[in-house]
Amino acid sequence: MNQEKNKTSSAAERDLQRIVFVPVIHTDAESAERVRRIIRETMPDVVAVELDRERYEIMMSGAQVQHDHPSSGDPVEALMSQIAALEHTLGGHMGSDVGAEMMAAIEEGREIGAKIALVDRPLRDTVQALMRVPLDEIYRLMGVIPETTEEIVSGDLDQHLDSLRSAEGVTELMTQFREEFPGITRALIDQRDEYVARALMTILGDVEGKIVVVLGAGHVEGVKRHLRRLLKQQGHAA
């Protein structure tokens, strides 16, 4: 029995070793450069990015997302607009377009002949998940975002970035966010992490070489956790 467990664990670890996770900060020029460098060094068969088809097509078309359109009164729509506006503001102060790190991954992947995989959950599914979150939680986050934007922009942005570039800083931020907004965390983070992990399971079965996965820093540990669980389940079923 122990031998079987060890074989299953070894096989799972071998599969995990074929995946190179690249945690990024959205709107961070340094993240985009790191993505390009790692793809060139790794020469993967597949470059997987945290995009769904809808967002990919918007980015490829070069369309500009409007952040100041009149609100329909829907709180989830208003929250998503606030989040997009926050990213846009940060991008302006950091000198990087929103999604530049994903575009860099796609461009570099194509340059080396790798396949491009869009592994994020469809945006409409995430919006539907947010609609099931208690409204008081949605409104609380909507109250926090403008304050956070002002605090970051008027404060020491480099200090915030340094914190987000460290695993400890990301863990601390995610723990705090989860405690304050558990329902939103499930919709925006946890459920998407599982979706990405399942997509990576499919890719692992399709290719034998390396896979570079470009994800927002807050998603990496969750995706790894789900992936280990799925690989273990697969090993038991085999």
C-alpha atoms as a PDB file:
ATOM      1  CA  MET A   1       0.000   0.000   0.000  1.00  0.00           C
ATOM      2  CA  ASN A   2       2.791   2.424   0.910  1.00  0.00           C
ATOM      3  CA  GLN A   3       4.554   1.617  -2.355  1.00  0.00           C
ATOM      4  CA  GLU A   4       1.412   2.508  -4.309  1.00  0.00           C
ATOM      5  CA  LYS A   5       1.085   5.797  -2.415  1.00  0.00           C
ATOM      6  CA  ASN A   6       4.716   6.617  -3.104  1.00  0.00           C
ATOM      7  CA  LYS A   7       4.288   5.847  -6.814  1.00  0.00           C
ATOM      8  CA  THR A   8       1.212   8.072  -6.993  1.00  0.00           C
ATOM      9  CA  SER A   9       3.006  10.867  -5.161  1.00  0.00           C
ATOM     10  CA  SER A  10       6.091  10.568  -7.382  1.00  0.00           C
ATOM     11  CA  ALA A  11       4.016  10.664 -10.560  1.00  0.00           C
ATOM     12  CA  ALA A  12       2.155  13.738  -9.336  1.00  0.00           C
ATOM     13  CA  GLU A  13       5.388  15.515  -8.478  1.00  0.00           C
ATOM     14  CA  ARG A  14       6.835  14.693 -11.903  1.00  0.00           C
ATOM     15  CA  ASP A  15       3.798  16.266 -13.539  1.00  0.00           C
ATOM     16  CA  LEU A  16       4.068  19.327 -11.299  1.00  0.00           C
ATOM     17  CA  GLN A  17       7.737  19.686 -12.190  1.00  0.00           C
ATOM     18  CA  ARG A  18       6.749  20.096 -15.828  1.00  0.00           C
ATOM     19  CA  ILE A  19       4.840  23.257 -14.913  1.00  0.00           C
ATOM     20  CA  VAL A  20       6.675  26.534 -14.400  1.00  0.00           C
ATOM     21  CA  PHE A  21       4.425  28.994 -12.564  1.00  0.00           C
ATOM     22  CA  VAL A  22       5.136  32.678 -13.134  1.00  0.00           C
ATOM     23  CA  PRO A  23       3.352  34.858 -10.555  1.00  0.00           C
ATOM     24  CA  VAL A  24       2.737  38.366 -11.854  1.00  0.00           C
ATOM     25  CA  ILE A  25       1.371  41.674 -10.655  1.00  0.00           C
ATOM     26  CA  HIS A  26      -1.149  43.012 -13.136  1.00  0.00           C
ATOM     27  CA  THR A  27      -0.026  46.365 -14.622  1.00  0.00           C
ATOM     28  CA  ASP A  28       3.580  45.750 -13.528  1.00  0.00           C
ATOM     29  CA  ALA A  29       6.183  46.296 -16.281  1.00  0.00           C
ATOM     30  CA  GLU A  30       8.732  44.241 -14.336  1.00  0.00           C
ATOM     31  CA  SER A  31       6.328  41.270 -14.361  1.00  0.00           C
ATOM     32  CA  ALA A  32       6.026  41.484 -18.152  1.00  0.00           C
ATOM     33  CA  GLU A  33       9.791  41.418 -18.606  1.00  0.00           C
ATOM     34  CA  ARG A  34      10.145  38.477 -16.219  1.00  0.00           C
ATOM     35  CA  VAL A  35       7.479  36.563 -18.145  1.00  0.00           C
ATOM     36  CA  ARG A  36       9.378  37.039 -21.403  1.00  0.00           C
ATOM     37  CA  ARG A  37      12.681  35.962 -19.865  1.00  0.00           C
ATOM     38  CA  ILE A  38      11.277  32.799 -18.258  1.00  0.00           C
ATOM     39  CA  ILE A  39       9.529  31.722 -21.460  1.00  0.00           C
ATOM     40  CA  ARG A  40      12.766  32.167 -23.437  1.00  0.00           C
ATOM     41  CA  GLU A  41      14.730  30.214 -20.826  1.00  0.00           C
ATOM     42  CA  THR A  42      12.158  27.412 -20.438  1.00  0.00           C
ATOM     43  CA  MET A  43      11.157  26.939 -24.122  1.00  0.00           C
ATOM     44  CA  PRO A  44       7.835  25.342 -23.129  1.00  0.00           C
ATOM     45  CA  ASP A  45       5.438  23.396 -25.335  1.00  0.00           C
ATOM     46  CA  VAL A  46       2.554  25.462 -23.953  1.00  0.00           C
ATOM     47  CA  VAL A  47       2.185  28.954 -22.512  1.00  0.00           C
ATOM     48  CA  ALA A  48      -0.976  29.144 -20.393  1.00  0.00           C
ATOM     49  CA  VAL A  49      -2.308  32.570 -19.451  1.00  0.00           C
ATOM     50  CA  GLU A  50      -4.895  33.887 -16.998  1.00  0.00           C
ATOM     51  CA  LEU A  51      -7.339  34.964 -19.681  1.00  0.00           C
ATOM     52  CA  ASP A  52     -10.659  33.691 -20.970  1.00  0.00           C
ATOM     53  CA  ARG A  53     -11.752  33.927 -24.602  1.00  0.00           C
ATOM     54  CA  GLU A  54     -13.764  37.136 -24.122  1.00  0.00           C
ATOM     55  CA  ARG A  55     -10.974  39.090 -22.451  1.00  0.00           C
ATOM     56  CA  TYR A  56      -8.420  37.696 -24.904  1.00  0.00           C
ATOM     57  CA  GLU A  57     -10.437  38.944 -27.887  1.00  0.00           C
ATOM     58  CA  ILE A  58     -10.865  42.381 -26.288  1.00  0.00           C
ATOM     59  CA  MET A  59      -7.125  42.652 -25.674  1.00  0.00           C
ATOM     60  CA  MET A  60      -6.217  41.431 -29.170  1.00  0.00           C
ATOM     61  CA  SER A  61      -8.614  43.916 -30.757  1.00  0.00           C
ATOM     62  CA  GLY A  62      -6.988  46.771 -28.877  1.00  0.00           C
ATOM     63  CA  ALA A  63     -10.381  47.975 -27.651  1.00  0.00           C
ATOM     64  CA  GLN A  64     -10.320  50.346 -24.705  1.00  0.00           C
ATOM     65  CA  VAL A  65     -12.447  49.448 -21.715  1.00  0.00           C
ATOM     66  CA  GLN A  66     -14.569  52.347 -20.535  1.00  0.00           C
ATOM     67  CA  HIS A  67     -14.530  52.915 -16.762  1.00  0.00           C
ATOM     68  CA  ASP A  68     -16.790  55.939 -16.536  1.00  0.00           C
ATOM     69  CA  HIS A  69     -19.952  54.678 -18.245  1.00  0.00           C
ATOM     70  CA  PRO A  70     -23.263  55.295 -16.437  1.00  0.00           C
ATOM     71  CA  SER A  71     -24.093  52.580 -13.918  1.00  0.00           C
ATOM     72  CA  SER A  72     -27.095  50.351 -14.568  1.00  0.00           C
ATOM     73  CA  GLY A  73     -27.609  50.129 -10.827  1.00  0.00           C
ATOM     74  CA  ASP A  74     -26.418  46.519 -10.683  1.00  0.00           C
ATOM     75  CA  PRO A  75     -23.989  46.219  -7.737  1.00  0.00           C
ATOM     76  CA  VAL A  76     -21.920  43.415  -9.279  1.00  0.00           C
ATOM     77  CA  GLU A  77     -21.491  45.386 -12.509  1.00  0.00           C
ATOM     78  CA  ALA A  78     -20.493  48.423 -10.454  1.00  0.00           C
ATOM     79  CA  LEU A  79     -17.960  46.346  -8.478  1.00  0.00           C
ATOM     80  CA  MET A  80     -16.381  44.930 -11.635  1.00  0.00           C
ATOM     81  CA  SER A  81     -16.142  48.461 -13.063  1.00  0.00           C
ATOM     82  CA  GLN A  82     -14.443  49.652  -9.883  1.00  0.00           C
ATOM     83  CA  ILE A  83     -11.916  46.811 -10.031  1.00  0.00           C
ATOM     84  CA  ALA A  84     -11.185  47.577 -13.706  1.00  0.00           C
ATOM     85  CA  ALA A  85     -10.799  51.280 -12.895  1.00  0.00           C
ATOM     86  CA  LEU A  86      -8.388  50.456 -10.056  1.00  0.00           C
ATOM     87  CA  GLU A  87      -6.222  48.387 -12.407  1.00  0.00           C
ATOM     88  CA  HIS A  88      -6.345  51.162 -15.010  1.00  0.00           C
ATOM     89  CA  THR A  89      -5.258  53.759 -12.443  1.00  0.00           C
ATOM     90  CA  LEU A  90      -2.418  51.578 -11.187  1.00  0.00           C
ATOM     91  CA  GLY A  91      -1.314  50.894 -14.748  1.00  0.00           C
ATOM     92  CA  GLY A  92      -1.148  54.621 -15.425  1.00  0.00           C
ATOM     93  CA  HIS A  93       1.041  55.232 -12.391  1.00  0.00           C
ATOM     94  CA  MET A  94       3.243  52.199 -13.076  1.00  0.00           C
ATOM     95  CA  GLY A  95       3.681  52.890 -16.777  1.00  0.00           C
ATOM     96  CA  SER A  96       2.212  49.578 -17.906  1.00  0.00           C
ATOM     97  CA  ASP A  97      -1.020  48.745 -19.713  1.00  0.00           C
ATOM     98  CA  VAL A  98      -3.552  46.470 -18.026  1.00  0.00           C
ATOM     99  CA  GLY A  99      -2.825  42.911 -19.162  1.00  0.00           C
ATOM    100  CA  ALA A 100       0.632  43.753 -20.542  1.00  0.00           C
ATOM    101  CA  GLU A 101       2.125  40.708 -18.813  1.00  0.00           C
ATOM    102  CA  MET A 102      -0.428  38.407 -20.494  1.00  0.00           C
ATOM    103  CA  MET A 103       0.225  39.977 -23.899  1.00  0.00           C
ATOM    104  CA  ALA A 104       3.968  39.578 -23.303  1.00  0.00           C
ATOM    105  CA  ALA A 105       3.438  35.875 -22.538  1.00  0.00           C
ATOM    106  CA  ILE A 106       1.343  35.373 -25.679  1.00  0.00           C
ATOM    107  CA  GLU A 107       3.809  37.215 -27.898  1.00  0.00           C
ATOM    108  CA  GLU A 108       6.848  35.421 -26.496  1.00  0.00           C
ATOM    109  CA  GLY A 109       5.098  32.053 -26.651  1.00  0.00           C
ATOM    110  CA  ARG A 110       4.233  32.538 -30.306  1.00  0.00           C
ATOM    111  CA  GLU A 111       7.787  33.682 -31.014  1.00  0.00           C
ATOM    112  CA  ILE A 112       9.183  30.343 -29.822  1.00  0.00           C
ATOM    113  CA  GLY A 113       6.427  28.279 -31.432  1.00  0.00           C
ATOM    114  CA  ALA A 114       4.602  27.300 -28.231  1.00  0.00           C
ATOM    115  CA  LYS A 115       0.879  26.670 -28.073  1.00  0.00           C
ATOM    116  CA  ILE A 116      -1.149  29.337 -26.266  1.00  0.00           C
ATOM    117  CA  ALA A 117      -3.778  28.182 -23.765  1.00  0.00           C
ATOM    118  CA  LEU A 118      -6.452  30.438 -22.257  1.00  0.00           C
ATOM    119  CA  VAL A 119      -7.083  28.823 -18.885  1.00  0.00           C
ATOM    120  CA  ASP A 120      -9.186  31.299 -16.898  1.00  0.00           C
ATOM    121  CA  ARG A 121     -12.869  30.755 -16.185  1.00  0.00           C
ATOM    122  CA  PRO A 122     -15.240  32.654 -18.518  1.00  0.00           C
ATOM    123  CA  LEU A 123     -15.915  36.121 -17.169  1.00  0.00           C
ATOM    124  CA  ARG A 124     -19.694  35.618 -17.309  1.00  0.00           C
ATOM    125  CA  ASP A 125     -19.374  32.632 -14.939  1.00  0.00           C
ATOM    126  CA  THR A 126     -17.395  34.716 -12.466  1.00  0.00           C
ATOM    127  CA  VAL A 127     -20.004  37.482 -12.648  1.00  0.00           C
ATOM    128  CA  GLN A 128     -22.747  34.929 -11.983  1.00  0.00           C
ATOM    129  CA  ALA A 129     -20.809  33.626  -8.995  1.00  0.00           C
ATOM    130  CA  LEU A 130     -20.503  37.174  -7.636  1.00  0.00           C
ATOM    131  CA  MET A 131     -24.270  37.573  -7.942  1.00  0.00           C
ATOM    132  CA  ARG A 132     -24.618  34.873  -5.281  1.00  0.00           C
ATOM    133  CA  VAL A 133     -22.432  36.770  -2.802  1.00  0.00           C
ATOM    134  CA  PRO A 134     -24.356  38.638  -0.055  1.00  0.00           C
ATOM    135  CA  LEU A 135     -24.963  42.225  -1.114  1.00  0.00           C
ATOM    136  CA  ASP A 136     -23.562  43.670   2.090  1.00  0.00           C
ATOM    137  CA  GLU A 137     -20.193  42.085   1.241  1.00  0.00           C
ATOM    138  CA  ILE A 138     -20.297  43.510  -2.305  1.00  0.00           C
ATOM    139  CA  TYR A 139     -21.090  46.992  -0.976  1.00  0.00           C
ATOM    140  CA  ARG A 140     -18.350  46.782   1.671  1.00  0.00           C
ATOM    141  CA  LEU A 141     -15.718  46.073  -0.988  1.00  0.00           C
ATOM    142  CA  MET A 142     -17.119  48.854  -3.170  1.00  0.00           C
ATOM    143  CA  GLY A 143     -16.527  51.185  -0.251  1.00  0.00           C
ATOM    144  CA  VAL A 144     -12.963  50.000   0.229  1.00  0.00           C
ATOM    145  CA  ILE A 145     -11.716  50.185  -3.378  1.00  0.00           C
ATOM    146  CA  PRO A 146     -11.769  54.011  -3.778  1.00  0.00           C
ATOM    147  CA  GLU A 147      -9.989  54.414  -0.436  1.00  0.00           C
ATOM    148  CA  THR A 148      -7.417  51.807  -1.438  1.00  0.00           C
ATOM    149  CA  THR A 149      -6.848  53.474  -4.806  1.00  0.00           C
ATOM    150  CA  GLU A 150      -6.251  56.847  -3.180  1.00  0.00           C
ATOM    151  CA  GLU A 151      -4.008  55.333  -0.514  1.00  0.00           C
ATOM    152  CA  ILE A 152      -1.812  53.554  -3.048  1.00  0.00           C
ATOM    153  CA  VAL A 153      -1.599  56.446  -5.502  1.00  0.00           C
ATOM    154  CA  SER A 154      -0.847  59.076  -2.883  1.00  0.00           C
ATOM    155  CA  GLY A 155       1.440  56.833  -0.832  1.00  0.00           C
ATOM    156  CA  ASP A 156       4.577  54.813  -1.479  1.00  0.00           C
ATOM    157  CA  LEU A 157       3.654  52.723  -4.510  1.00  0.00           C
ATOM    158  CA  ASP A 158       7.087  51.082  -4.626  1.00  0.00           C
ATOM    159  CA  GLN A 159       6.625  49.811  -1.089  1.00  0.00           C
ATOM    160  CA  HIS A 160       3.293  48.211  -2.003  1.00  0.00           C
ATOM    161  CA  LEU A 161       4.853  46.619  -5.080  1.00  0.00           C
ATOM    162  CA  ASP A 162       7.796  45.232  -3.121  1.00  0.00           C
ATOM    163  CA  SER A 163       5.325  43.604  -0.742  1.00  0.00           C
ATOM    164  CA  LEU A 164       3.328  42.046  -3.603  1.00  0.00           C
ATOM    165  CA  ARG A 165       6.505  40.763  -5.245  1.00  0.00           C
ATOM    166  CA  SER A 166       7.236  38.592  -2.200  1.00  0.00           C
ATOM    167  CA  ALA A 167       5.418  35.342  -1.423  1.00  0.00           C
ATOM    168  CA  GLU A 168       4.981  36.449   2.182  1.00  0.00           C
ATOM    169  CA  GLY A 169       3.388  39.732   1.158  1.00  0.00           C
ATOM    170  CA  VAL A 170       0.934  37.991  -1.183  1.00  0.00           C
ATOM    171  CA  THR A 171       0.017  35.437   1.492  1.00  0.00           C
ATOM    172  CA  GLU A 172      -0.600  38.184   4.050  1.00  0.00           C
ATOM    173  CA  LEU A 173      -2.766  40.165   1.637  1.00  0.00           C
ATOM    174  CA  MET A 174      -4.783  37.111   0.572  1.00  0.00           C
ATOM    175  CA  THR A 175      -5.347  36.031   4.177  1.00  0.00           C
ATOM    176  CA  GLN A 176      -6.640  39.476   5.109  1.00  0.00           C
ATOM    177  CA  PHE A 177      -8.877  39.668   2.032  1.00  0.00           C
ATOM    178  CA  ARG A 178     -10.296  36.197   2.690  1.00  0.00           C
ATOM    179  CA  GLU A 179     -11.177  37.111   6.281  1.00  0.00           C
ATOM    180  CA  GLU A 180     -12.921  40.344   5.281  1.00  0.00           C
ATOM    181  CA  PHE A 181     -14.577  39.164   2.051  1.00  0.00           C
ATOM    182  CA  PRO A 182     -15.026  35.364   2.144  1.00  0.00           C
ATOM    183  CA  GLY A 183     -17.798  35.196  -0.468  1.00  0.00           C
ATOM    184  CA  ILE A 184     -15.977  37.423  -2.939  1.00  0.00           C
ATOM    185  CA  THR A 185     -12.793  35.425  -2.383  1.00  0.00           C
ATOM    186  CA  ARG A 186     -14.611  32.224  -3.338  1.00  0.00           C
ATOM    187  CA  ALA A 187     -16.015  33.809  -6.512  1.00  0.00           C
ATOM    188  CA  LEU A 188     -12.964  35.763  -7.651  1.00  0.00           C
ATOM    189  CA  ILE A 189     -10.172  33.491  -6.411  1.00  0.00           C
ATOM    190  CA  ASP A 190     -11.030  29.990  -5.189  1.00  0.00           C
ATOM    191  CA  GLN A 191     -13.441  28.907  -7.927  1.00  0.00           C
ATOM    192  CA  ARG A 192     -11.196  30.311 -10.632  1.00  0.00           C
ATOM    193  CA  ASP A 193      -8.183  28.542  -9.095  1.00  0.00           C
ATOM    194  CA  GLU A 194      -9.972  25.209  -9.399  1.00  0.00           C
ATOM    195  CA  TYR A 195     -11.019  25.997 -12.973  1.00  0.00           C
ATOM    196  CA  VAL A 196      -7.401  26.792 -13.921  1.00  0.00           C
ATOM    197  CA  ALA A 197      -6.149  23.620 -12.208  1.00  0.00           C
ATOM    198  CA  ARG A 198      -8.601  21.495 -14.204  1.00  0.00           C
ATOM    199  CA  ALA A 199      -7.499  23.204 -17.409  1.00  0.00           C
ATOM    200  CA  LEU A 200      -3.868  22.433 -16.556  1.00  0.00           C
ATOM    201  CA  MET A 201      -4.768  18.794 -15.931  1.00  0.00           C
ATOM    202  CA  THR A 202      -6.040  18.598 -19.508  1.00  0.00           C
ATOM    203  CA  ILE A 203      -2.886  20.232 -20.842  1.00  0.00           C
ATOM    204  CA  LEU A 204      -0.669  17.860 -18.860  1.00  0.00           C
ATOM    205  CA  GLY A 205      -2.427  14.972 -20.575  1.00  0.00           C
ATOM    206  CA  ASP A 206      -1.980  16.523 -24.019  1.00  0.00           C
ATOM    207  CA  VAL A 207       1.722  17.445 -24.017  1.00  0.00           C
ATOM    208  CA  GLU A 208       4.890  15.867 -22.691  1.00  0.00           C
ATOM    209  CA  GLY A 209       7.069  18.957 -22.388  1.00  0.00           C
ATOM    210  CA  LYS A 210       7.165  22.013 -20.158  1.00  0.00           C
ATOM    211  CA  ILE A 211       4.225  24.321 -19.510  1.00  0.00           C
ATOM    212  CA  VAL A 212       4.675  27.943 -18.454  1.00  0.00           C
ATOM    213  CA  VAL A 213       1.662  29.264 -16.543  1.00  0.00           C
ATOM    214  CA  VAL A 214       1.269  33.021 -16.103  1.00  0.00           C
ATOM    215  CA  LEU A 215      -1.060  33.890 -13.224  1.00  0.00           C
ATOM    216  CA  GLY A 216      -1.759  36.772 -10.900  1.00  0.00           C
ATOM    217  CA  ALA A 217       0.333  36.223  -7.775  1.00  0.00           C
ATOM    218  CA  GLY A 218      -2.761  35.656  -5.623  1.00  0.00           C
ATOM    219  CA  HIS A 219      -3.791  32.622  -7.679  1.00  0.00           C
ATOM    220  CA  VAL A 220      -0.603  30.563  -7.762  1.00  0.00           C
ATOM    221  CA  GLU A 221      -0.782  28.758  -4.416  1.00  0.00           C
ATOM    222  CA  GLY A 222      -4.474  27.965  -4.800  1.00  0.00           C
ATOM    223  CA  VAL A 223      -3.965  26.544  -8.288  1.00  0.00           C
ATOM    224  CA  LYS A 224      -1.077  24.406  -7.051  1.00  0.00           C
ATOM    225  CA  ARG A 225      -3.192  23.097  -4.166  1.00  0.00           C
ATOM    226  CA  HIS A 226      -6.085  22.124  -6.448  1.00  0.00           C
ATOM    227  CA  LEU A 227      -3.692  20.623  -8.982  1.00  0.00           C
ATOM    228  CA  ARG A 228      -2.026  18.403  -6.388  1.00  0.00           C
ATOM    229  CA  ARG A 229      -5.453  17.195  -5.262  1.00  0.00           C
ATOM    230  CA  LEU A 230      -6.561  16.437  -8.820  1.00  0.00           C
ATOM    231  CA  LEU A 231      -3.315  14.628  -9.640  1.00  0.00           C
ATOM    232  CA  LYS A 232      -3.668  12.546  -6.489  1.00  0.00           C
ATOM    233  CA  GLN A 233      -7.239  11.647  -7.398  1.00  0.00           C
ATOM    234  CA  GLN A 234      -6.138  10.709 -10.897  1.00  0.00           C
ATOM    235  CA  GLY A 235      -3.408   8.482  -9.482  1.00  0.00           C
ATOM    236  CA  HIS A 236      -5.885   6.643  -7.250  1.00  0.00           C
ATOM    237  CA  ALA A 237      -8.283   6.171 -10.143  1.00  0.00           C
ATOM    238  CA  ALA A 238      -5.592   4.798 -12.443  1.00  0.00           C
END
